[in-house]
Amino acid sequence: MATANVIGIGSQVDIDLQNRQELTGDRRMSKLDRATNSLTQHNFDVTEALRRIRLDTHLSSDGMRAALDEVIAMVGVHPIPNTILKLADTASSSSRRER
């Protein structure tokens, strides 16, 4: 009888452990679902901002750079400072002249 009780207790422990693992798995899936929804919304926001820039025919070059910097800030990547961009433009145009 002692063996039967131990087997019964062991089976109950296995069932309890399985239930806990299922709950933990459900919680993990809920967190992943929330993260997925958040990333999907963020992707939509970035895409919409880029679409608005594309459709705005009145943007100057500087206005477009500023608008793109705002989108880059949404993504969390630091934009390249304008001074570096101007140096790169100067370098590329001077290398074209040398050819």
N, C-alpha and C. Protein backbone atom coordinates (compact mmCIF):
# COMPACT_ATOMS: atom_id res chain seq x y z
N MET A 1 0.81 -1.20 0.00
CA MET A 1 0.00 0.00 0.00
C MET A 1 0.85 1.26 0.00
N ALA A 2 1.96 1.22 0.68
CA ALA A 2 2.83 2.37 0.70
C ALA A 2 3.32 2.68 -0.71
N THR A 3 3.59 1.64 -1.49
CA THR A 3 4.04 1.85 -2.87
C THR A 3 2.94 2.48 -3.71
N ALA A 4 1.73 2.05 -3.52
CA ALA A 4 0.61 2.61 -4.27
C ALA A 4 0.43 4.09 -3.96
N ASN A 5 0.59 4.46 -2.68
CA ASN A 5 0.46 5.87 -2.31
C ASN A 5 1.58 6.71 -2.92
N VAL A 6 2.78 6.17 -2.94
CA VAL A 6 3.90 6.91 -3.50
C VAL A 6 3.69 7.10 -5.00
N ILE A 7 3.23 6.05 -5.68
CA ILE A 7 2.97 6.17 -7.11
C ILE A 7 1.85 7.19 -7.35
N GLY A 8 0.82 7.15 -6.53
CA GLY A 8 -0.28 8.11 -6.67
C GLY A 8 0.19 9.53 -6.44
N ILE A 9 1.04 9.74 -5.46
CA ILE A 9 1.56 11.07 -5.17
C ILE A 9 2.46 11.53 -6.32
N GLY A 10 3.28 10.63 -6.81
CA GLY A 10 4.16 10.95 -7.93
C GLY A 10 3.37 11.36 -9.15
N SER A 11 2.28 10.67 -9.42
CA SER A 11 1.45 11.00 -10.57
C SER A 11 0.82 12.38 -10.39
N GLN A 12 0.37 12.69 -9.19
CA GLN A 12 -0.22 13.99 -8.91
C GLN A 12 0.82 15.11 -9.08
N VAL A 13 2.05 14.83 -8.61
CA VAL A 13 3.12 15.81 -8.75
C VAL A 13 3.41 16.04 -10.23
N ASP A 14 3.43 14.97 -11.03
CA ASP A 14 3.66 15.11 -12.46
C ASP A 14 2.56 15.94 -13.12
N ILE A 15 1.31 15.71 -12.72
CA ILE A 15 0.19 16.46 -13.28
C ILE A 15 0.29 17.93 -12.88
N ASP A 16 0.63 18.20 -11.60
CA ASP A 16 0.79 19.58 -11.13
C ASP A 16 1.92 20.29 -11.89
N LEU A 17 3.03 19.58 -12.08
CA LEU A 17 4.16 20.15 -12.79
C LEU A 17 3.78 20.46 -14.25
N GLN A 18 3.05 19.54 -14.87
CA GLN A 18 2.60 19.75 -16.24
C GLN A 18 1.67 20.96 -16.33
N ASN A 19 0.76 21.09 -15.36
CA ASN A 19 -0.15 22.24 -15.35
C ASN A 19 0.62 23.55 -15.19
N ARG A 20 1.64 23.56 -14.32
CA ARG A 20 2.45 24.76 -14.13
C ARG A 20 3.20 25.12 -15.41
N GLN A 21 3.74 24.10 -16.08
CA GLN A 21 4.45 24.35 -17.33
C GLN A 21 3.51 24.90 -18.39
N GLU A 22 2.29 24.40 -18.44
CA GLU A 22 1.32 24.92 -19.40
C GLU A 22 0.97 26.36 -19.09
N LEU A 23 0.80 26.68 -17.80
CA LEU A 23 0.52 28.07 -17.41
C LEU A 23 1.68 28.98 -17.77
N THR A 24 2.91 28.51 -17.50
CA THR A 24 4.09 29.30 -17.84
C THR A 24 4.17 29.48 -19.35
N GLY A 25 3.89 28.43 -20.10
CA GLY A 25 3.87 28.53 -21.56
C GLY A 25 2.82 29.49 -22.04
N ASP A 26 1.63 29.47 -21.42
CA ASP A 26 0.56 30.41 -21.78
C ASP A 26 0.98 31.85 -21.49
N ARG A 27 1.62 32.06 -20.34
CA ARG A 27 2.09 33.42 -20.00
C ARG A 27 3.14 33.88 -21.00
N ARG A 28 4.05 32.98 -21.35
CA ARG A 28 5.09 33.32 -22.31
C ARG A 28 4.46 33.68 -23.65
N MET A 29 3.46 32.92 -24.07
CA MET A 29 2.79 33.20 -25.33
C MET A 29 2.06 34.53 -25.26
N SER A 30 1.46 34.84 -24.11
CA SER A 30 0.78 36.13 -23.95
C SER A 30 1.77 37.28 -24.08
N LYS A 31 2.94 37.13 -23.48
CA LYS A 31 3.97 38.18 -23.59
C LYS A 31 4.43 38.31 -25.03
N LEU A 32 4.61 37.18 -25.70
CA LEU A 32 5.03 37.23 -27.10
C LEU A 32 3.95 37.86 -27.98
N ASP A 33 2.69 37.56 -27.69
CA ASP A 33 1.59 38.17 -28.43
C ASP A 33 1.59 39.69 -28.26
N ARG A 34 1.79 40.14 -27.02
CA ARG A 34 1.82 41.59 -26.77
C ARG A 34 3.01 42.23 -27.48
N ALA A 35 4.16 41.56 -27.42
CA ALA A 35 5.34 42.09 -28.09
C ALA A 35 5.13 42.14 -29.60
N THR A 36 4.52 41.11 -30.14
CA THR A 36 4.24 41.07 -31.57
C THR A 36 3.29 42.20 -31.97
N ASN A 37 2.26 42.40 -31.19
CA ASN A 37 1.31 43.49 -31.48
C ASN A 37 1.99 44.85 -31.41
N SER A 38 2.85 45.03 -30.44
CA SER A 38 3.57 46.29 -30.28
C SER A 38 4.50 46.53 -31.47
N LEU A 39 5.24 45.51 -31.87
CA LEU A 39 6.16 45.65 -33.01
C LEU A 39 5.40 45.87 -34.31
N THR A 40 4.27 45.21 -34.46
CA THR A 40 3.46 45.40 -35.66
C THR A 40 2.96 46.84 -35.74
N GLN A 41 2.50 47.39 -34.63
CA GLN A 41 2.03 48.78 -34.60
C GLN A 41 3.18 49.74 -34.91
N HIS A 42 4.34 49.47 -34.32
CA HIS A 42 5.51 50.32 -34.56
C HIS A 42 5.90 50.28 -36.03
N ASN A 43 5.91 49.10 -36.62
CA ASN A 43 6.22 48.94 -38.04
C ASN A 43 5.22 49.74 -38.89
N PHE A 44 3.95 49.66 -38.54
CA PHE A 44 2.92 50.41 -39.26
C PHE A 44 3.17 51.91 -39.16
N ASP A 45 3.50 52.39 -37.95
CA ASP A 45 3.75 53.82 -37.74
C ASP A 45 4.93 54.31 -38.58
N VAL A 46 6.01 53.53 -38.60
CA VAL A 46 7.19 53.91 -39.38
C VAL A 46 6.86 53.91 -40.87
N THR A 47 6.16 52.89 -41.32
CA THR A 47 5.79 52.80 -42.73
C THR A 47 4.89 53.97 -43.13
N GLU A 48 3.95 54.32 -42.28
CA GLU A 48 3.06 55.45 -42.58
C GLU A 48 3.84 56.76 -42.64
N ALA A 49 4.79 56.94 -41.74
CA ALA A 49 5.59 58.16 -41.76
C ALA A 49 6.40 58.25 -43.06
N LEU A 50 6.97 57.14 -43.48
CA LEU A 50 7.71 57.13 -44.75
C LEU A 50 6.79 57.38 -45.93
N ARG A 51 5.60 56.84 -45.89
CA ARG A 51 4.63 57.04 -46.98
C ARG A 51 4.25 58.52 -47.07
N ARG A 52 4.04 59.15 -45.92
CA ARG A 52 3.69 60.58 -45.92
C ARG A 52 4.82 61.43 -46.50
N ILE A 53 6.07 61.07 -46.19
CA ILE A 53 7.22 61.80 -46.74
C ILE A 53 7.25 61.63 -48.26
N ARG A 54 7.02 60.42 -48.70
CA ARG A 54 7.05 60.14 -50.14
C ARG A 54 5.97 60.93 -50.89
N LEU A 55 4.82 61.06 -50.29
CA LEU A 55 3.70 61.73 -50.96
C LEU A 55 3.76 63.26 -50.88
N ASP A 56 4.58 63.79 -49.98
CA ASP A 56 4.68 65.24 -49.82
C ASP A 56 5.59 65.82 -50.90
N THR A 57 4.99 66.38 -51.93
CA THR A 57 5.76 66.90 -53.06
C THR A 57 6.36 68.27 -52.78
N HIS A 58 6.01 68.88 -51.66
CA HIS A 58 6.51 70.22 -51.35
C HIS A 58 7.75 70.21 -50.47
N LEU A 59 8.25 69.04 -50.11
CA LEU A 59 9.42 68.98 -49.23
C LEU A 59 10.68 69.36 -50.00
N SER A 60 11.46 70.22 -49.38
CA SER A 60 12.78 70.55 -49.93
C SER A 60 13.75 69.44 -49.53
N SER A 61 14.96 69.52 -50.00
CA SER A 61 15.97 68.52 -49.63
C SER A 61 16.21 68.53 -48.12
N ASP A 62 16.32 69.73 -47.56
CA ASP A 62 16.53 69.83 -46.11
C ASP A 62 15.30 69.36 -45.34
N GLY A 63 14.11 69.69 -45.87
CA GLY A 63 12.88 69.23 -45.22
C GLY A 63 12.77 67.71 -45.24
N MET A 64 13.18 67.12 -46.36
CA MET A 64 13.14 65.67 -46.46
C MET A 64 14.14 65.03 -45.50
N ARG A 65 15.33 65.62 -45.42
CA ARG A 65 16.32 65.11 -44.47
C ARG A 65 15.79 65.18 -43.03
N ALA A 66 15.17 66.29 -42.69
CA ALA A 66 14.62 66.45 -41.34
C ALA A 66 13.51 65.44 -41.09
N ALA A 67 12.65 65.24 -42.07
CA ALA A 67 11.56 64.27 -41.92
C ALA A 67 12.12 62.85 -41.77
N LEU A 68 13.13 62.52 -42.55
CA LEU A 68 13.74 61.20 -42.44
C LEU A 68 14.45 61.03 -41.10
N ASP A 69 15.07 62.11 -40.60
CA ASP A 69 15.69 62.05 -39.27
C ASP A 69 14.65 61.72 -38.20
N GLU A 70 13.45 62.29 -38.35
CA GLU A 70 12.38 61.99 -37.39
C GLU A 70 11.98 60.52 -37.46
N VAL A 71 11.92 59.97 -38.66
CA VAL A 71 11.58 58.55 -38.80
C VAL A 71 12.69 57.69 -38.21
N ILE A 72 13.94 58.07 -38.49
CA ILE A 72 15.06 57.32 -37.93
C ILE A 72 15.02 57.36 -36.41
N ALA A 73 14.63 58.49 -35.85
CA ALA A 73 14.52 58.60 -34.39
C ALA A 73 13.43 57.66 -33.86
N MET A 74 12.36 57.48 -34.65
CA MET A 74 11.30 56.55 -34.23
C MET A 74 11.84 55.12 -34.15
N VAL A 75 12.77 54.80 -35.04
CA VAL A 75 13.31 53.45 -35.11
C VAL A 75 14.34 53.22 -34.02
N GLY A 76 14.92 54.30 -33.53
CA GLY A 76 15.89 54.15 -32.45
C GLY A 76 17.33 54.14 -32.93
N VAL A 77 17.56 54.52 -34.19
CA VAL A 77 18.90 54.62 -34.73
C VAL A 77 19.24 56.10 -34.79
N HIS A 78 20.42 56.45 -34.35
CA HIS A 78 20.80 57.85 -34.34
C HIS A 78 21.15 58.30 -35.75
N PRO A 79 20.55 59.41 -36.19
CA PRO A 79 20.85 59.90 -37.53
C PRO A 79 22.28 60.43 -37.62
N ILE A 80 22.82 60.42 -38.82
CA ILE A 80 24.15 60.96 -39.06
C ILE A 80 24.03 62.48 -39.05
N PRO A 81 24.86 63.15 -38.29
CA PRO A 81 24.78 64.62 -38.24
C PRO A 81 24.93 65.22 -39.64
N ASN A 82 24.24 66.33 -39.89
CA ASN A 82 24.28 66.99 -41.20
C ASN A 82 25.69 67.39 -41.61
N THR A 83 26.55 67.73 -40.63
CA THR A 83 27.92 68.12 -40.99
C THR A 83 28.66 66.95 -41.64
N ILE A 84 28.44 65.75 -41.14
CA ILE A 84 29.08 64.57 -41.74
C ILE A 84 28.50 64.32 -43.12
N LEU A 85 27.17 64.49 -43.28
CA LEU A 85 26.56 64.31 -44.59
C LEU A 85 27.13 65.31 -45.60
N LYS A 86 27.30 66.56 -45.17
CA LYS A 86 27.84 67.58 -46.08
C LYS A 86 29.29 67.25 -46.45
N LEU A 87 30.07 66.75 -45.47
CA LEU A 87 31.45 66.35 -45.77
C LEU A 87 31.47 65.20 -46.78
N ALA A 88 30.55 64.24 -46.61
CA ALA A 88 30.48 63.10 -47.52
C ALA A 88 30.08 63.56 -48.92
N ASP A 89 29.13 64.50 -49.00
CA ASP A 89 28.72 65.04 -50.31
C ASP A 89 29.88 65.77 -50.97
N THR A 90 30.61 66.55 -50.20
CA THR A 90 31.75 67.29 -50.73
C THR A 90 32.82 66.33 -51.24
N ALA A 91 33.10 65.31 -50.45
CA ALA A 91 34.13 64.33 -50.83
C ALA A 91 33.72 63.58 -52.09
N SER A 92 32.45 63.18 -52.18
CA SER A 92 32.03 62.43 -53.36
C SER A 92 32.01 63.30 -54.61
N SER A 93 31.63 64.56 -54.48
CA SER A 93 31.62 65.44 -55.65
C SER A 93 33.05 65.77 -56.10
N SER A 94 33.98 65.94 -55.16
CA SER A 94 35.35 66.23 -55.54
C SER A 94 36.01 65.01 -56.17
N SER A 95 35.65 63.80 -55.72
CA SER A 95 36.23 62.60 -56.33
C SER A 95 35.68 62.40 -57.75
N ARG A 96 34.44 62.85 -58.00
CA ARG A 96 33.89 62.77 -59.35
C ARG A 96 34.61 63.72 -60.29
N ARG A 97 34.98 64.91 -59.77
CA ARG A 97 35.70 65.89 -60.60
C ARG A 97 37.09 65.40 -60.97
N GLU A 98 37.73 64.65 -60.07
CA GLU A 98 39.08 64.17 -60.30
C GLU A 98 39.12 63.09 -61.39
N ARG A 99 38.04 62.42 -61.62
CA ARG A 99 38.00 61.33 -62.61
C ARG A 99 38.06 61.88 -63.95
